[in-house]
Protein backbone atom coordinates (compact mmCIF):
# COMPACT_ATOMS: atom_id res chain seq x y z
CA PRO A 1 -5.83 21.32 -32.65
CA LEU A 2 -8.56 19.35 -34.37
CA TRP A 3 -8.32 16.46 -31.93
CA LEU A 4 -8.53 16.17 -28.18
CA ARG A 5 -6.62 13.61 -26.12
CA ILE A 6 -8.67 12.41 -23.19
CA PRO A 7 -6.39 10.74 -20.64
CA THR A 8 -7.51 7.31 -19.48
CA ARG A 9 -6.04 5.17 -16.73
CA ALA A 10 -4.14 3.15 -19.35
CA HIS A 11 -2.81 6.31 -20.98
CA ARG A 12 -1.70 7.85 -17.65
CA ASN A 13 0.19 4.66 -16.80
CA THR A 14 2.10 4.71 -20.08
CA THR A 15 3.07 8.37 -19.73
CA THR A 16 4.25 8.00 -16.11
CA LYS A 17 6.17 4.79 -16.89
CA MET A 18 4.11 2.80 -14.40
CA PRO A 19 3.49 -0.79 -15.46
CA ARG A 20 0.20 -1.63 -17.10
CA LYS A 21 -2.04 -3.92 -15.10
CA VAL A 22 -3.19 -6.52 -17.63
CA ALA A 23 -5.54 -9.40 -16.84
CA VAL A 24 -6.09 -12.36 -19.15
CA ALA A 25 -9.11 -14.65 -18.76
CA LEU A 26 -8.08 -18.24 -19.39
CA ASP A 27 -9.68 -21.68 -19.39
CA SER A 28 -8.97 -25.00 -21.07
CA ASP A 29 -10.71 -23.96 -24.29
CA THR A 30 -8.57 -23.71 -27.45
CA CYS A 31 -9.50 -20.05 -27.78
CA SER A 32 -7.81 -19.27 -24.47
CA VAL A 33 -4.66 -21.00 -25.65
CA GLU A 34 -4.70 -19.02 -28.90
CA ALA A 35 -5.47 -15.77 -27.11
CA LEU A 36 -2.55 -16.26 -24.73
CA GLU A 37 -0.18 -17.11 -27.58
CA TRP A 38 -1.21 -13.97 -29.47
CA LEU A 39 -0.96 -11.78 -26.37
CA LEU A 40 2.51 -13.12 -25.55
CA LYS A 41 3.71 -12.44 -29.11
CA ALA A 42 2.00 -9.15 -29.86
CA PHE A 43 0.87 -7.32 -26.74
CA LEU A 44 2.37 -8.22 -23.35
CA THR A 45 5.74 -6.88 -22.26
CA PRO A 46 8.01 -7.84 -19.37
CA LYS A 47 7.15 -4.47 -17.74
CA ASP A 48 3.43 -5.33 -17.49
CA GLU A 49 1.87 -6.55 -14.26
CA VAL A 50 0.02 -9.59 -15.63
CA SER A 51 -2.68 -11.68 -13.98
CA PHE A 52 -4.00 -14.89 -15.52
CA VAL A 53 -7.56 -15.35 -14.27
CA HIS A 54 -9.62 -18.52 -14.33
CA VAL A 55 -13.16 -18.69 -12.95
CA MET A 56 -14.61 -22.00 -11.87
CA ASP A 57 -18.34 -21.84 -12.55
CA GLN A 58 -20.02 -23.34 -9.51
CA ARG A 59 -23.09 -25.11 -10.76
CA PRO A 60 -23.86 -28.15 -8.66
CA ILE A 61 -24.59 -31.51 -10.21
CA GLU A 62 -28.30 -32.06 -10.11
CA LEU A 63 -29.39 -35.63 -10.54
CA PRO A 64 -32.88 -36.82 -9.70
CA GLU A 65 -33.33 -39.45 -7.03
CA SER A 66 -33.14 -42.38 -9.39
CA GLU A 67 -31.07 -45.38 -10.33
CA GLN A 68 -28.24 -43.02 -11.28
CA CYS A 69 -28.08 -41.72 -7.73
CA LYS A 70 -28.10 -45.22 -6.35
CA LYS A 71 -25.14 -46.07 -8.61
CA LEU A 72 -23.29 -42.98 -7.38
CA ARG A 73 -23.91 -44.04 -3.80
CA GLY A 74 -22.53 -47.42 -4.76
CA TYR A 75 -19.23 -45.66 -5.55
CA GLY A 76 -19.06 -44.39 -1.98
CA TYR A 77 -20.87 -41.07 -2.28
CA ALA A 78 -23.46 -40.72 0.46
CA ASN A 79 -25.31 -37.89 -1.32
CA LEU A 80 -25.05 -35.37 -4.12
CA THR A 81 -23.50 -32.75 -1.85
CA GLU A 82 -20.60 -35.09 -1.21
CA LEU A 83 -20.32 -35.84 -4.93
CA ASN A 84 -20.38 -32.12 -5.78
CA ASN A 85 -17.61 -31.47 -3.26
CA CYS A 86 -15.51 -34.23 -4.81
CA VAL A 87 -16.09 -32.93 -8.37
CA GLU A 88 -15.27 -29.37 -7.26
CA LYS A 89 -11.96 -30.51 -5.75
CA LEU A 90 -11.09 -32.36 -8.96
CA HIS A 91 -11.94 -29.30 -11.09
CA GLU A 92 -9.91 -27.08 -8.80
CA ALA A 93 -6.86 -29.37 -9.03
CA LYS A 94 -7.18 -29.46 -12.83
CA ALA A 95 -7.54 -25.64 -12.95
CA VAL A 96 -4.42 -25.15 -10.80
CA GLU A 97 -2.39 -27.43 -13.09
CA MET A 98 -3.70 -25.66 -16.19
CA MET A 99 -2.81 -22.24 -14.78
CA LYS A 100 0.69 -23.46 -13.87
CA GLU A 101 1.17 -24.49 -17.51
CA PHE A 102 0.03 -21.05 -18.73
CA ALA A 103 2.43 -19.39 -16.26
CA LYS A 104 5.32 -21.58 -17.47
CA GLN A 105 4.50 -20.70 -21.08
CA SER A 106 4.57 -16.98 -20.30
CA LEU A 107 7.82 -17.24 -18.30
CA LYS A 108 9.50 -18.72 -21.37
CA ARG A 109 8.66 -15.42 -23.12
CA GLY A 110 9.92 -13.30 -20.22
CA ILE A 111 6.48 -12.44 -18.87
CA ASP A 112 6.01 -13.07 -15.15
CA ALA A 113 2.32 -13.52 -14.36
CA GLU A 114 0.37 -14.20 -11.22
CA THR A 115 -2.39 -16.78 -11.48
CA VAL A 116 -5.78 -16.18 -9.94
CA LEU A 117 -8.46 -18.81 -9.43
CA LEU A 118 -11.95 -17.51 -8.69
CA LYS A 119 -15.25 -19.29 -8.09
CA GLY A 120 -18.67 -18.17 -9.25
CA ASN A 121 -20.40 -16.87 -12.35
CA VAL A 122 -17.67 -16.34 -14.95
CA LYS A 123 -18.97 -13.07 -16.43
CA TYR A 124 -19.64 -11.38 -13.11
CA LYS A 125 -16.43 -12.55 -11.45
CA LEU A 126 -14.23 -11.34 -14.32
CA CYS A 127 -15.83 -7.88 -14.22
CA GLU A 128 -15.61 -7.78 -10.44
CA PHE A 129 -11.92 -8.74 -10.57
CA ALA A 130 -11.11 -6.09 -13.18
CA GLU A 131 -12.69 -3.35 -11.09
CA LYS A 132 -11.36 -4.53 -7.72
CA GLU A 133 -7.78 -4.84 -9.02
CA SER A 134 -7.88 -1.60 -11.08
CA ILE A 135 -6.96 -3.47 -14.26
CA ASN A 136 -5.89 -1.22 -17.15
CA VAL A 137 -6.53 -3.73 -19.96
CA PHE A 138 -8.46 -7.00 -19.86
CA ALA A 139 -8.03 -9.71 -22.52
CA VAL A 140 -10.39 -12.56 -23.38
CA GLY A 141 -10.62 -15.11 -26.14
CA SER A 142 -13.71 -15.43 -28.30
CA ARG A 143 -15.04 -18.69 -29.70
CA GLY A 144 -16.99 -16.85 -32.37
CA LEU A 145 -20.47 -17.91 -31.31
CA GLY A 146 -23.23 -17.15 -33.75
CA VAL A 147 -26.02 -14.70 -32.94
CA ALA A 148 -28.42 -17.44 -31.77
CA SER A 149 -25.83 -19.08 -29.51
CA ARG A 150 -24.85 -15.73 -27.99
CA MET A 151 -28.51 -14.97 -27.27
CA MET A 152 -29.18 -18.35 -25.68
CA LEU A 153 -25.87 -19.00 -23.91
CA GLY A 154 -24.50 -15.53 -23.52
CA SER A 155 -20.99 -14.62 -24.53
CA VAL A 156 -18.42 -13.96 -21.81
CA SER A 157 -16.38 -11.72 -24.12
CA ASP A 158 -19.49 -9.76 -25.17
CA TYR A 159 -20.52 -9.28 -21.54
CA CYS A 160 -17.00 -8.11 -20.60
CA VAL A 161 -16.85 -5.62 -23.49
CA HIS A 162 -20.13 -4.04 -22.42
CA ASN A 163 -19.69 -4.12 -18.66
CA MET A 164 -16.01 -3.64 -17.78
CA LYS A 165 -14.81 -0.14 -17.04
CA CYS A 166 -11.39 -0.79 -18.61
CA PRO A 167 -10.57 -1.48 -22.27
CA VAL A 168 -11.14 -5.11 -23.31
CA ILE A 169 -9.13 -6.93 -25.96
CA VAL A 170 -11.07 -9.76 -27.60
CA VAL A 171 -8.83 -12.24 -29.39
CA LYS A 172 -10.81 -14.11 -32.00
CA CYS A 173 -10.21 -17.85 -32.15
CA THR A 174 -8.94 -19.18 -35.48
CA GLY A 175 -9.12 -22.86 -34.54
CA LEU A 176 -5.45 -23.51 -35.26
CA CYS A 177 -4.56 -24.76 -31.76
CA GLU A 178 -5.43 -28.25 -30.56
CA LYS A 179 -7.73 -28.66 -27.59
CA ARG A 180 -5.78 -28.83 -24.32
């Protein structure tokens, strides 16, 4: 034959009828909402083992010792560490609620998904999760950053495409969904 089929993990799973392990990176951005909607309509099946993954980026609030800090202390925060802990708990509660909504949305389409909440650098944690969990296909949304923005900020989807060992689906945002 003129072509050669090289078996990959994803291919072996489909030929042995084992479920695909699919992970979907989600956050409150409109692109995540659009990506999930597209994946539910066009890609995910009830046979897939699906994980919805959200990474809470842990960058502490850094305020100089100034009037702002004095005002924060006036609200009952003894120091910035205490304030950071409070903000982290609020973000975590919001993330849990958001992931529950995504899970409900997928259940309506017959897709049962586990939700995973990680903490750390988004790019590194997503890649680490994909490898640790032996994910067959990873899906991310893309905001469509320009070249300058990608160079300065870095693109999570671009990083995942170049650093994950599994295939990565990048769902381009069209801007049709409202912000969550």
